[in-house]
Amino acid sequence: MGRSRIISAWALACLLAIAPCVAGAGETGVTATVEPGVGVVGRGLTLRVTVPGRDTATIDVPDMADWTVIPRGRALGARGEDGEPVSAYRFELVPRRAGTLAVPALTVETGGARTQTPPLAVRVRPRPEPPAALAGQDVFLDATVSEESPYAGQAFVYTVRLYRAVPAAGVSLTPPAFAGCVADPLPGQRDGEARAGGKAYVTAEVDYLLAPLRAGTLAIAPPGARIRGLGKASGETVLAGPQRTVAVRPLPPYAGAASFTGLVGRMALQSRLAADAAKGEAVYELTLSGRGNLDAAAPPVLSLPPGLSARPLPGESAVQPTLAGSEGERTFRYALTAATPGTFTLPAVSLAVFDPEEGRYVTVEAPPRAFVAAPQGAPAPVAPPLTSVSSGQGAALDWTAWADSLPWRVALGILPPLLFALTFLPHRGRRPAQATPAQDPAAVAEALRRATSAAEDPSRAPWSDAGAALARLDRLLYS
């Protein structure tokens, strides 16, 4: 019983030792997003739930009175610098009414753990009504804007919509020049149906994301359309849509301390220090992400401590236009150079962003970073090998790193069930081995040396093997 209790206590200690590793592996990084951030009644949006790992997860989507929910399947991918495997579950959300609609928290169960996503809110615009001028027409070209009075730099959607009650052989839509705007076409053409004045129409819509460059009156020229084989006509019919006028509001005066460079939208700022192994440089990165006029963002000006300089490096841009505005991220990179070795503190970087939905300025900030500059030509530090110290002197073992390595985590995971099997499962009886008297290693070595010397030919077996064994024994005894 004494032996069993000792082994059981050892197994329990091993389980407690690996418990933090198991808990860390079970932590969930589940996220939920709705794309785009602005919708239209009757037009589907994408709800994406991202779950770490490749195991199948169970997602509880509650009934939502404001949405029609359609599952769209699961996709496997990776995210982050380390390529962490993730599973993305997609749902199509079709809004049933206009306004700010809520997407409640979703319960996600994966790997035996349950978590909830944060609730989301989505702004939904009403479905465009057929224009009054459509009555009695067989074909009509219209143009609408999502915002009648946007701020300078605030993105809005310009839509060209063709109504047709008779068949046609081919249709070609021509947008205006969009003078005074930054214009990005949104992907795809949407086809639909509408009824007006007792007639049924088929519709074709094309969207453009516009961002006015300055305040004042913005006149958007009429769009055009060319239709071949309209109805019974064999030639080409040319249509012109209406001109639209938008009153662009100036941004309110700004008196904050953070730098303002004309950013409009909802954004976040992050920083990190990386290493360029090819050039042996330290690289400082600032990433601006979110929704707004990200393409107009200028590289932030760094405020560096004395003795530290920065050289701009090529950055990256992953921004795409959506119905809610341009979304994505911009990364700015700088190579850091220190005049002398030492530790330098990179101050926090703050930027001011005007939020058009709230009508106020918001400050986004990246935290300060500590930069350690090594002497010129100094080799990269190398981790010391593990050292076994029996006298209590010298370097101690890094038990945390040892226990966190993958082979030992696997070994510690297998050890408790193995000890349980050895302790509690029945075993066959074994005959006790006869005890043999202990031998002095030095006496064994001397006896082997005398026997090898007395051999007629020490190079032949088994004396050659005996000589090799004697050499190893001498190293163990006398080295």
Protein backbone atom coordinates (compact mmCIF):
# COMPACT_ATOMS: atom_id res chain seq x y z
CA MET A 1 0.00 0.00 0.00
CA GLY A 2 2.88 2.36 0.76
CA ARG A 3 4.28 1.94 -2.75
CA SER A 4 0.83 2.49 -4.32
CA ARG A 5 0.25 5.67 -2.34
CA ILE A 6 3.62 7.07 -3.35
CA ILE A 7 3.01 6.38 -7.04
CA SER A 8 -0.54 7.79 -6.87
CA ALA A 9 0.74 10.98 -5.26
CA TRP A 10 3.41 11.26 -7.95
CA ALA A 11 0.75 10.88 -10.69
CA LEU A 12 -1.41 13.56 -9.06
CA ALA A 13 1.56 15.92 -8.91
CA CYS A 14 2.22 15.32 -12.61
CA LEU A 15 -1.41 16.08 -13.45
CA LEU A 16 -1.27 19.32 -11.48
CA ALA A 17 1.97 20.21 -13.24
CA ILE A 18 0.48 19.87 -16.72
CA ALA A 19 -2.89 21.41 -15.83
CA PRO A 20 -1.80 24.98 -16.76
CA CYS A 21 -0.70 23.76 -20.20
CA VAL A 22 -4.04 22.08 -20.84
CA ALA A 23 -5.96 25.18 -19.70
CA GLY A 24 -3.88 27.41 -21.94
CA ALA A 25 -4.49 25.14 -24.91
CA GLY A 26 -8.22 25.23 -24.22
CA GLU A 27 -8.48 29.02 -24.18
CA THR A 28 -10.70 30.17 -27.02
CA GLY A 29 -10.11 33.12 -29.34
CA VAL A 30 -13.53 33.05 -31.00
CA THR A 31 -14.48 36.15 -32.98
CA ALA A 32 -17.61 37.22 -34.85
CA THR A 33 -17.88 39.90 -37.55
CA VAL A 34 -20.58 41.13 -39.92
CA GLU A 35 -19.47 42.26 -43.38
CA PRO A 36 -20.08 44.83 -44.65
CA GLY A 37 -20.79 47.01 -41.63
CA VAL A 38 -23.78 48.68 -43.35
CA GLY A 39 -26.65 46.81 -45.01
CA VAL A 40 -29.78 47.36 -47.08
CA VAL A 41 -33.16 45.81 -46.38
CA GLY A 42 -33.49 42.57 -48.33
CA ARG A 43 -29.80 42.42 -49.24
CA GLY A 44 -27.72 39.75 -47.53
CA LEU A 45 -24.74 40.39 -45.24
CA THR A 46 -22.13 37.88 -44.11
CA LEU A 47 -21.82 36.84 -40.46
CA ARG A 48 -18.42 35.17 -40.01
CA VAL A 49 -17.59 33.26 -36.79
CA THR A 50 -13.90 32.35 -36.55
CA VAL A 51 -12.90 29.51 -34.20
CA PRO A 52 -9.25 28.53 -33.50
CA GLY A 53 -8.27 25.02 -34.59
CA ARG A 54 -9.68 22.59 -37.11
CA ASP A 55 -12.05 20.70 -34.81
CA THR A 56 -15.74 20.99 -35.62
CA ALA A 57 -17.50 23.55 -33.43
CA THR A 58 -21.16 23.84 -32.46
CA ILE A 59 -22.58 27.35 -32.88
CA ASP A 60 -25.92 28.17 -31.29
CA VAL A 61 -27.59 30.90 -33.36
CA PRO A 62 -30.73 32.11 -31.54
CA ASP A 63 -33.91 33.19 -33.31
CA MET A 64 -33.66 36.79 -34.49
CA ALA A 65 -36.83 38.63 -35.43
CA ASP A 66 -34.97 41.23 -37.52
CA TRP A 67 -32.92 38.77 -39.57
CA THR A 68 -33.33 35.79 -41.85
CA VAL A 69 -30.36 33.49 -41.13
CA ILE A 70 -29.02 31.14 -43.82
CA PRO A 71 -26.00 28.87 -43.01
CA ARG A 72 -23.34 29.06 -45.72
CA GLY A 73 -20.86 26.43 -44.57
CA ARG A 74 -17.40 26.21 -43.04
CA ALA A 75 -13.97 27.05 -44.43
CA LEU A 76 -10.51 26.17 -43.07
CA GLY A 77 -7.70 28.68 -43.04
CA ALA A 78 -4.90 30.27 -41.02
CA ARG A 79 -4.32 33.63 -39.36
CA GLY A 80 -1.55 35.49 -37.59
CA GLU A 81 2.19 35.47 -38.13
CA ASP A 82 2.47 31.88 -36.91
CA GLY A 83 -0.22 30.60 -39.28
CA GLU A 84 -2.58 29.52 -36.50
CA PRO A 85 -5.19 27.13 -38.00
CA VAL A 86 -8.76 28.43 -37.75
CA SER A 87 -12.22 27.42 -38.91
CA ALA A 88 -14.53 30.11 -40.30
CA TYR A 89 -18.28 29.49 -40.16
CA ARG A 90 -20.34 31.70 -42.50
CA PHE A 91 -23.98 32.69 -42.18
CA GLU A 92 -25.93 34.95 -44.52
CA LEU A 93 -28.00 37.55 -42.66
CA VAL A 94 -30.85 39.14 -44.63
CA PRO A 95 -32.26 42.19 -42.78
CA ARG A 96 -36.04 42.48 -42.62
CA ARG A 97 -36.26 46.16 -41.64
CA ALA A 98 -34.21 49.35 -41.62
CA GLY A 99 -32.49 50.84 -38.56
CA THR A 100 -29.75 49.70 -36.20
CA LEU A 101 -30.26 45.95 -35.87
CA ALA A 102 -28.70 43.81 -33.14
CA VAL A 103 -26.93 40.50 -33.64
CA PRO A 104 -27.03 38.82 -30.19
CA ALA A 105 -24.18 36.92 -28.59
CA LEU A 106 -23.64 33.45 -30.08
CA THR A 107 -22.70 30.44 -27.94
CA VAL A 108 -19.78 28.49 -29.42
CA GLU A 109 -18.73 25.06 -28.11
CA THR A 110 -15.42 23.60 -29.26
CA GLY A 111 -12.91 21.26 -27.65
CA GLY A 112 -15.12 20.84 -24.60
CA ALA A 113 -15.10 24.59 -23.89
CA ARG A 114 -18.03 26.98 -24.23
CA THR A 115 -17.70 30.67 -24.95
CA GLN A 116 -19.82 33.53 -26.26
CA THR A 117 -19.14 36.09 -28.94
CA PRO A 118 -19.83 39.74 -28.11
CA PRO A 119 -23.12 41.18 -29.42
CA LEU A 120 -22.94 43.24 -32.62
CA ALA A 121 -24.93 46.13 -34.06
CA VAL A 122 -25.42 46.72 -37.79
CA ARG A 123 -26.86 49.81 -39.46
CA VAL A 124 -29.37 48.88 -42.17
CA ARG A 125 -30.64 51.37 -44.76
CA PRO A 126 -34.16 51.13 -46.25
CA ARG A 127 -34.65 49.52 -49.62
CA PRO A 128 -34.72 52.16 -52.39
CA GLU A 129 -38.20 52.90 -53.67
CA PRO A 130 -38.84 53.12 -57.43
CA PRO A 131 -38.64 56.76 -58.54
CA ALA A 132 -41.87 58.60 -59.35
CA ALA A 133 -40.61 59.29 -62.90
CA LEU A 134 -40.61 55.54 -63.61
CA ALA A 135 -44.43 55.47 -64.00
CA GLY A 136 -45.45 54.65 -67.57
CA GLN A 137 -41.85 54.03 -68.75
CA ASP A 138 -40.64 50.80 -70.33
CA VAL A 139 -36.99 51.60 -69.51
CA PHE A 140 -35.55 54.08 -67.03
CA LEU A 141 -32.09 54.93 -65.66
CA ASP A 142 -31.80 56.26 -62.11
CA ALA A 143 -28.98 57.27 -59.75
CA THR A 144 -29.10 57.53 -55.93
CA VAL A 145 -26.71 58.34 -53.07
CA SER A 146 -26.68 56.82 -49.58
CA GLU A 147 -25.76 60.15 -47.90
CA GLU A 148 -27.18 63.55 -48.87
CA SER A 149 -24.76 65.54 -46.66
CA PRO A 150 -21.59 63.59 -45.85
CA TYR A 151 -18.50 65.07 -44.22
CA ALA A 152 -15.41 65.77 -46.27
CA GLY A 153 -13.55 62.48 -46.50
CA GLN A 154 -16.57 60.42 -45.42
CA ALA A 155 -17.37 57.59 -47.81
CA PHE A 156 -20.86 57.10 -49.23
CA VAL A 157 -22.39 54.86 -51.90
CA TYR A 158 -23.49 56.06 -55.32
CA THR A 159 -25.79 53.58 -57.12
CA VAL A 160 -26.71 53.44 -60.81
CA ARG A 161 -29.94 51.48 -61.31
CA LEU A 162 -31.56 50.49 -64.61
CA TYR A 163 -35.28 49.55 -64.73
CA ARG A 164 -36.47 47.58 -67.75
CA ALA A 165 -39.98 46.23 -68.49
CA VAL A 166 -39.17 44.87 -71.97
CA PRO A 167 -36.49 42.42 -73.11
CA ALA A 168 -33.14 43.59 -74.45
CA ALA A 169 -30.22 42.01 -76.27
CA GLY A 170 -27.49 43.77 -74.28
CA VAL A 171 -27.00 46.51 -71.68
CA SER A 172 -23.95 48.67 -70.98
CA LEU A 173 -23.87 51.11 -68.02
CA THR A 174 -21.49 54.10 -68.03
CA PRO A 175 -20.75 55.90 -64.73
CA PRO A 176 -19.93 59.62 -64.56
CA ALA A 177 -16.40 60.94 -64.11
CA PHE A 178 -16.88 61.62 -60.34
CA ALA A 179 -14.96 64.89 -60.32
CA GLY A 180 -13.96 66.01 -56.82
CA CYS A 181 -14.17 62.49 -55.35
CA VAL A 182 -12.09 59.43 -54.74
CA ALA A 183 -14.17 56.73 -56.46
CA ASP A 184 -13.90 52.94 -56.15
CA PRO A 185 -16.28 50.57 -57.96
CA LEU A 186 -17.79 47.93 -55.72
CA PRO A 187 -17.53 44.41 -57.14
CA GLY A 188 -20.42 42.76 -58.92
CA GLN A 189 -23.69 43.78 -60.54
CA ARG A 190 -26.90 42.96 -58.72
CA ASP A 191 -30.00 41.93 -60.63
CA GLY A 192 -33.47 42.12 -59.09
CA GLU A 193 -37.13 42.89 -59.64
CA ALA A 194 -39.45 45.82 -58.86
CA ARG A 195 -43.08 46.81 -59.48
CA ALA A 196 -44.34 50.31 -60.20
CA GLY A 197 -47.46 51.65 -61.95
CA GLY A 198 -48.83 48.15 -62.53
CA LYS A 199 -45.68 47.03 -64.43
CA ALA A 200 -43.05 44.47 -63.48
CA TYR A 201 -39.45 45.55 -64.03
CA VAL A 202 -36.14 43.76 -63.96
CA THR A 203 -33.40 45.84 -62.41
CA ALA A 204 -29.62 46.00 -62.75
CA GLU A 205 -27.60 47.89 -60.10
CA VAL A 206 -23.95 48.95 -59.92
CA ASP A 207 -22.45 50.62 -56.81
CA TYR A 208 -19.51 53.01 -56.42
CA LEU A 209 -17.86 54.08 -53.18
CA LEU A 210 -17.22 57.83 -53.20
CA ALA A 211 -15.24 59.99 -50.76
CA PRO A 212 -15.45 63.76 -51.36
CA LEU A 213 -12.12 65.55 -51.25
CA ARG A 214 -13.37 68.90 -49.94
CA ALA A 215 -16.39 70.59 -48.39
CA GLY A 216 -18.99 72.38 -50.49
CA THR A 217 -21.49 71.46 -53.18
CA LEU A 218 -20.58 68.29 -55.03
CA ALA A 219 -22.34 67.89 -58.39
CA ILE A 220 -22.25 64.33 -59.75
CA ALA A 221 -22.76 64.23 -63.51
CA PRO A 222 -25.51 62.03 -65.03
CA PRO A 223 -24.74 58.36 -65.69
CA GLY A 224 -25.38 56.79 -69.11
CA ALA A 225 -26.62 53.49 -70.51
CA ARG A 226 -26.62 51.87 -73.96
CA ILE A 227 -29.18 49.16 -74.67
CA ARG A 228 -29.13 46.96 -77.78
CA GLY A 229 -32.26 45.31 -79.15
CA LEU A 230 -34.67 46.94 -76.71
CA GLY A 231 -38.16 45.49 -77.22
CA LYS A 232 -38.86 45.29 -80.93
CA ALA A 233 -36.21 47.87 -81.87
CA SER A 234 -33.16 46.52 -83.64
CA GLY A 235 -30.84 49.46 -83.04
CA GLU A 236 -29.23 50.92 -79.90
CA THR A 237 -31.06 53.01 -77.32
CA VAL A 238 -29.08 55.63 -75.36
CA LEU A 239 -30.28 56.72 -71.91
CA ALA A 240 -29.09 59.39 -69.47
CA GLY A 241 -29.78 59.36 -65.77
CA PRO A 242 -30.30 62.28 -63.40
CA GLN A 243 -27.61 64.53 -61.99
CA ARG A 244 -27.19 64.32 -58.22
CA THR A 245 -26.01 67.08 -55.91
CA VAL A 246 -24.46 66.39 -52.50
CA ALA A 247 -23.81 69.02 -49.82
CA VAL A 248 -20.45 68.09 -48.30
CA ARG A 249 -19.99 69.33 -44.73
CA PRO A 250 -16.58 70.53 -43.49
CA LEU A 251 -14.98 68.76 -40.55
CA PRO A 252 -15.40 70.59 -37.24
CA PRO A 253 -12.36 72.45 -35.85
CA TYR A 254 -9.83 70.24 -34.13
CA ALA A 255 -7.90 71.36 -31.05
CA GLY A 256 -6.60 68.07 -29.64
CA ALA A 257 -3.03 67.09 -28.81
CA ALA A 258 -2.82 64.04 -31.08
CA SER A 259 -1.76 64.47 -34.69
CA PHE A 260 -4.66 64.86 -37.16
CA THR A 261 -3.91 64.12 -40.82
CA GLY A 262 -7.45 63.99 -42.23
CA LEU A 263 -8.42 60.47 -41.17
CA VAL A 264 -12.19 59.94 -41.21
CA GLY A 265 -13.89 56.73 -40.07
CA ARG A 266 -13.49 54.19 -37.27
CA MET A 267 -9.95 52.92 -36.83
CA ALA A 268 -7.44 51.37 -34.42
CA LEU A 269 -3.64 51.68 -34.19
CA GLN A 270 -1.17 48.99 -33.13
CA SER A 271 2.64 48.78 -32.93
CA ARG A 272 5.23 46.03 -32.76
CA LEU A 273 8.99 45.49 -33.00
CA ALA A 274 10.19 42.88 -35.47
CA ALA A 275 13.58 41.74 -36.80
CA ASP A 276 14.73 41.70 -40.41
CA ALA A 277 17.01 38.65 -40.36
CA ALA A 278 18.24 39.28 -43.92
CA LYS A 279 19.55 42.78 -43.12
CA GLY A 280 20.12 42.39 -39.39
CA GLU A 281 17.91 45.39 -38.59
CA ALA A 282 15.23 46.07 -36.03
CA VAL A 283 11.95 47.01 -37.73
CA TYR A 284 9.28 49.12 -36.04
CA GLU A 285 5.77 48.57 -37.43
CA LEU A 286 2.62 50.68 -37.06
CA THR A 287 -0.63 49.14 -38.31
CA LEU A 288 -3.72 51.29 -38.87
CA SER A 289 -6.85 49.18 -39.28
CA GLY A 290 -10.61 49.64 -39.45
CA ARG A 291 -13.00 51.40 -41.81
CA GLY A 292 -12.63 54.81 -43.46
CA ASN A 293 -10.28 56.68 -45.78
CA LEU A 294 -7.37 54.37 -44.99
CA ASP A 295 -5.87 54.88 -48.46
CA ALA A 296 -5.37 58.57 -47.62
CA ALA A 297 -3.41 57.79 -44.44
CA ALA A 298 0.10 59.24 -44.42
CA PRO A 299 2.98 57.49 -42.60
CA PRO A 300 2.90 58.65 -38.96
CA VAL A 301 5.74 60.94 -37.86
CA LEU A 302 7.78 59.29 -35.11
CA SER A 303 9.06 61.16 -32.04
CA LEU A 304 12.31 59.33 -31.28
CA PRO A 305 14.60 59.62 -28.25
CA PRO A 306 18.11 61.09 -28.74
CA GLY A 307 20.56 58.64 -30.26
CA LEU A 308 17.92 56.72 -32.20
CA SER A 309 17.02 57.28 -35.86
CA ALA A 310 14.46 55.69 -38.18
CA ARG A 311 14.50 55.08 -41.92
CA PRO A 312 11.16 54.52 -43.74
CA LEU A 313 10.72 51.11 -45.32
CA PRO A 314 8.13 49.93 -47.87
CA GLY A 315 4.80 49.27 -46.17
CA GLU A 316 1.78 47.13 -46.97
CA SER A 317 -1.82 47.93 -47.79
CA ALA A 318 -4.76 45.52 -47.65
CA VAL A 319 -7.79 47.79 -48.12
CA GLN A 320 -10.90 47.00 -50.13
CA PRO A 321 -14.08 49.03 -50.79
CA THR A 322 -17.35 47.84 -49.22
CA LEU A 323 -20.86 49.25 -48.78
CA ALA A 324 -19.74 50.48 -45.34
CA GLY A 325 -16.60 52.19 -46.68
CA SER A 326 -13.03 51.12 -47.33
CA GLU A 327 -12.07 48.39 -44.85
CA GLY A 328 -8.76 46.72 -44.07
CA GLU A 329 -5.39 47.81 -42.75
CA ARG A 330 -2.28 49.80 -43.64
CA THR A 331 1.12 48.86 -42.21
CA PHE A 332 3.96 51.41 -42.02
CA ARG A 333 7.51 50.17 -41.36
CA TYR A 334 10.66 51.89 -40.12
CA ALA A 335 14.24 50.57 -39.76
CA LEU A 336 15.72 51.62 -36.40
CA THR A 337 19.37 52.56 -35.97
CA ALA A 338 21.02 53.45 -32.64
CA ALA A 339 24.15 55.62 -32.37
CA THR A 340 25.29 53.74 -29.25
CA PRO A 341 24.31 50.46 -27.58
CA GLY A 342 21.63 50.67 -24.94
CA THR A 343 17.92 50.53 -24.23
CA PHE A 344 15.68 53.11 -25.88
CA THR A 345 11.98 53.73 -25.30
CA LEU A 346 9.87 54.41 -28.39
CA PRO A 347 7.10 56.77 -27.24
CA ALA A 348 3.44 56.00 -27.81
CA VAL A 349 2.08 57.10 -31.21
CA SER A 350 -1.28 58.91 -31.15
CA LEU A 351 -3.49 59.81 -34.11
CA ALA A 352 -6.78 61.68 -34.22
CA VAL A 353 -9.61 60.21 -36.32
CA PHE A 354 -12.92 61.93 -37.00
CA ASP A 355 -15.85 59.57 -36.46
CA PRO A 356 -18.65 60.76 -38.79
CA GLU A 357 -21.28 58.55 -37.13
CA GLU A 358 -20.68 60.17 -33.74
CA GLY A 359 -19.67 63.56 -35.13
CA ARG A 360 -16.53 63.87 -32.96
CA TYR A 361 -12.78 63.25 -32.95
CA VAL A 362 -11.43 60.05 -31.41
CA THR A 363 -7.81 59.42 -30.47
CA VAL A 364 -6.25 56.05 -31.34
CA GLU A 365 -2.92 55.17 -29.74
CA ALA A 366 -0.20 52.55 -30.12
CA PRO A 367 1.63 51.77 -26.83
CA PRO A 368 5.31 52.60 -26.23
CA ARG A 369 7.93 49.98 -27.06
CA ALA A 370 11.37 49.27 -25.56
CA PHE A 371 14.18 48.86 -28.10
CA VAL A 372 17.48 47.24 -27.05
CA ALA A 373 20.37 48.18 -29.34
CA ALA A 374 23.29 45.73 -29.34
CA PRO A 375 26.91 46.82 -30.05
CA GLN A 376 27.88 46.98 -33.71
CA GLY A 377 28.98 43.59 -34.98
CA ALA A 378 27.95 41.81 -31.79
CA PRO A 379 26.73 38.27 -32.41
CA ALA A 380 23.16 37.39 -31.66
CA PRO A 381 22.72 35.99 -28.14
CA VAL A 382 22.63 32.21 -27.98
CA ALA A 383 20.63 30.38 -25.31
CA PRO A 384 23.00 28.46 -22.96
CA PRO A 385 22.69 24.67 -22.88
CA LEU A 386 20.99 22.95 -19.98
CA THR A 387 23.50 22.27 -17.20
CA SER A 388 23.14 19.70 -14.44
CA VAL A 389 24.51 21.04 -11.15
CA SER A 390 24.85 18.60 -8.26
CA SER A 391 26.72 20.76 -5.74
CA GLY A 392 24.35 23.70 -5.80
CA GLN A 393 26.89 25.92 -7.57
CA GLY A 394 26.82 27.21 -11.11
CA ALA A 395 23.87 27.92 -13.42
CA ALA A 396 20.47 26.51 -12.45
CA LEU A 397 18.20 24.66 -14.82
CA ASP A 398 15.40 26.61 -16.52
CA TRP A 399 12.65 24.25 -15.32
CA THR A 400 9.88 26.41 -16.88
CA ALA A 401 11.35 26.14 -20.38
CA TRP A 402 12.10 22.43 -19.82
CA ALA A 403 8.53 21.62 -18.77
CA ASP A 404 7.02 23.73 -21.58
CA SER A 405 8.90 21.95 -24.39
CA LEU A 406 6.78 19.74 -26.63
CA PRO A 407 8.48 16.34 -25.92
CA TRP A 408 8.20 16.80 -22.16
CA ARG A 409 4.58 17.99 -22.40
CA VAL A 410 3.79 14.78 -24.31
CA ALA A 411 5.73 12.70 -21.79
CA LEU A 412 4.00 14.33 -18.84
CA GLY A 413 0.64 13.74 -20.50
CA ILE A 414 1.35 10.00 -20.95
CA LEU A 415 2.95 9.48 -17.54
CA PRO A 416 -0.19 9.57 -15.27
CA PRO A 417 -2.17 6.85 -17.14
CA LEU A 418 0.99 4.74 -17.37
CA LEU A 419 1.56 4.99 -13.62
CA PHE A 420 -2.11 4.17 -12.99
CA ALA A 421 -1.79 1.03 -15.12
CA LEU A 422 1.38 -0.05 -13.35
CA THR A 423 -0.17 0.57 -9.92
CA PHE A 424 -3.73 -0.72 -10.09
CA LEU A 425 -3.96 -3.18 -13.02
CA PRO A 426 -3.18 -6.87 -12.20
CA HIS A 427 0.25 -8.21 -13.15
CA ARG A 428 1.62 -11.71 -13.58
CA GLY A 429 3.72 -13.02 -10.77
CA ARG A 430 7.41 -12.90 -11.36
CA ARG A 431 10.10 -15.10 -9.90
CA PRO A 432 12.47 -13.04 -7.80
CA ALA A 433 15.89 -12.76 -9.33
CA GLN A 434 18.73 -14.16 -7.30
CA ALA A 435 20.86 -11.49 -5.73
CA THR A 436 24.41 -11.19 -6.98
CA PRO A 437 27.16 -9.69 -4.95
CA ALA A 438 28.11 -6.14 -5.88
CA GLN A 439 31.34 -5.69 -7.86
CA ASP A 440 33.85 -2.84 -7.55
CA PRO A 441 34.00 -1.09 -11.00
CA ALA A 442 37.71 -0.44 -10.63
CA ALA A 443 38.33 -4.13 -9.83
CA VAL A 444 36.30 -5.16 -12.88
CA ALA A 445 38.35 -2.81 -15.07
CA GLU A 446 41.65 -4.20 -13.77
CA ALA A 447 40.48 -7.80 -14.24
CA LEU A 448 39.40 -6.99 -17.83
CA ARG A 449 42.74 -5.30 -18.48
CA ARG A 450 44.70 -8.39 -17.26
CA ALA A 451 42.58 -10.73 -19.37
CA THR A 452 43.04 -8.59 -22.51
CA SER A 453 46.81 -8.36 -21.98
CA ALA A 454 47.06 -12.12 -21.59
CA ALA A 455 45.18 -12.79 -24.82
CA GLU A 456 47.24 -14.25 -27.71
CA ASP A 457 45.68 -11.86 -30.31
CA PRO A 458 43.88 -8.87 -28.71
CA SER A 459 42.65 -7.67 -32.15
CA ARG A 460 40.40 -10.71 -32.67
CA ALA A 461 36.93 -11.21 -31.21
CA PRO A 462 35.91 -11.15 -28.46
CA TRP A 463 39.04 -9.33 -27.23
CA SER A 464 38.51 -6.38 -29.62
CA ASP A 465 35.08 -5.74 -28.08
CA ALA A 466 36.57 -6.17 -24.62
CA GLY A 467 39.19 -3.52 -25.42
CA ALA A 468 36.52 -1.04 -26.51
CA ALA A 469 34.52 -1.73 -23.35
CA LEU A 470 37.66 -1.25 -21.24
CA ALA A 471 38.30 2.14 -22.88
CA ARG A 472 34.75 3.32 -22.10
CA LEU A 473 35.06 2.07 -18.53
CA ASP A 474 38.37 3.92 -18.09
CA ARG A 475 36.74 7.17 -19.29
CA LEU A 476 33.92 6.75 -16.81
CA LEU A 477 36.27 5.97 -13.92
CA TYR A 478 39.21 8.29 -14.51
CA SER A 479 38.10 11.15 -16.85
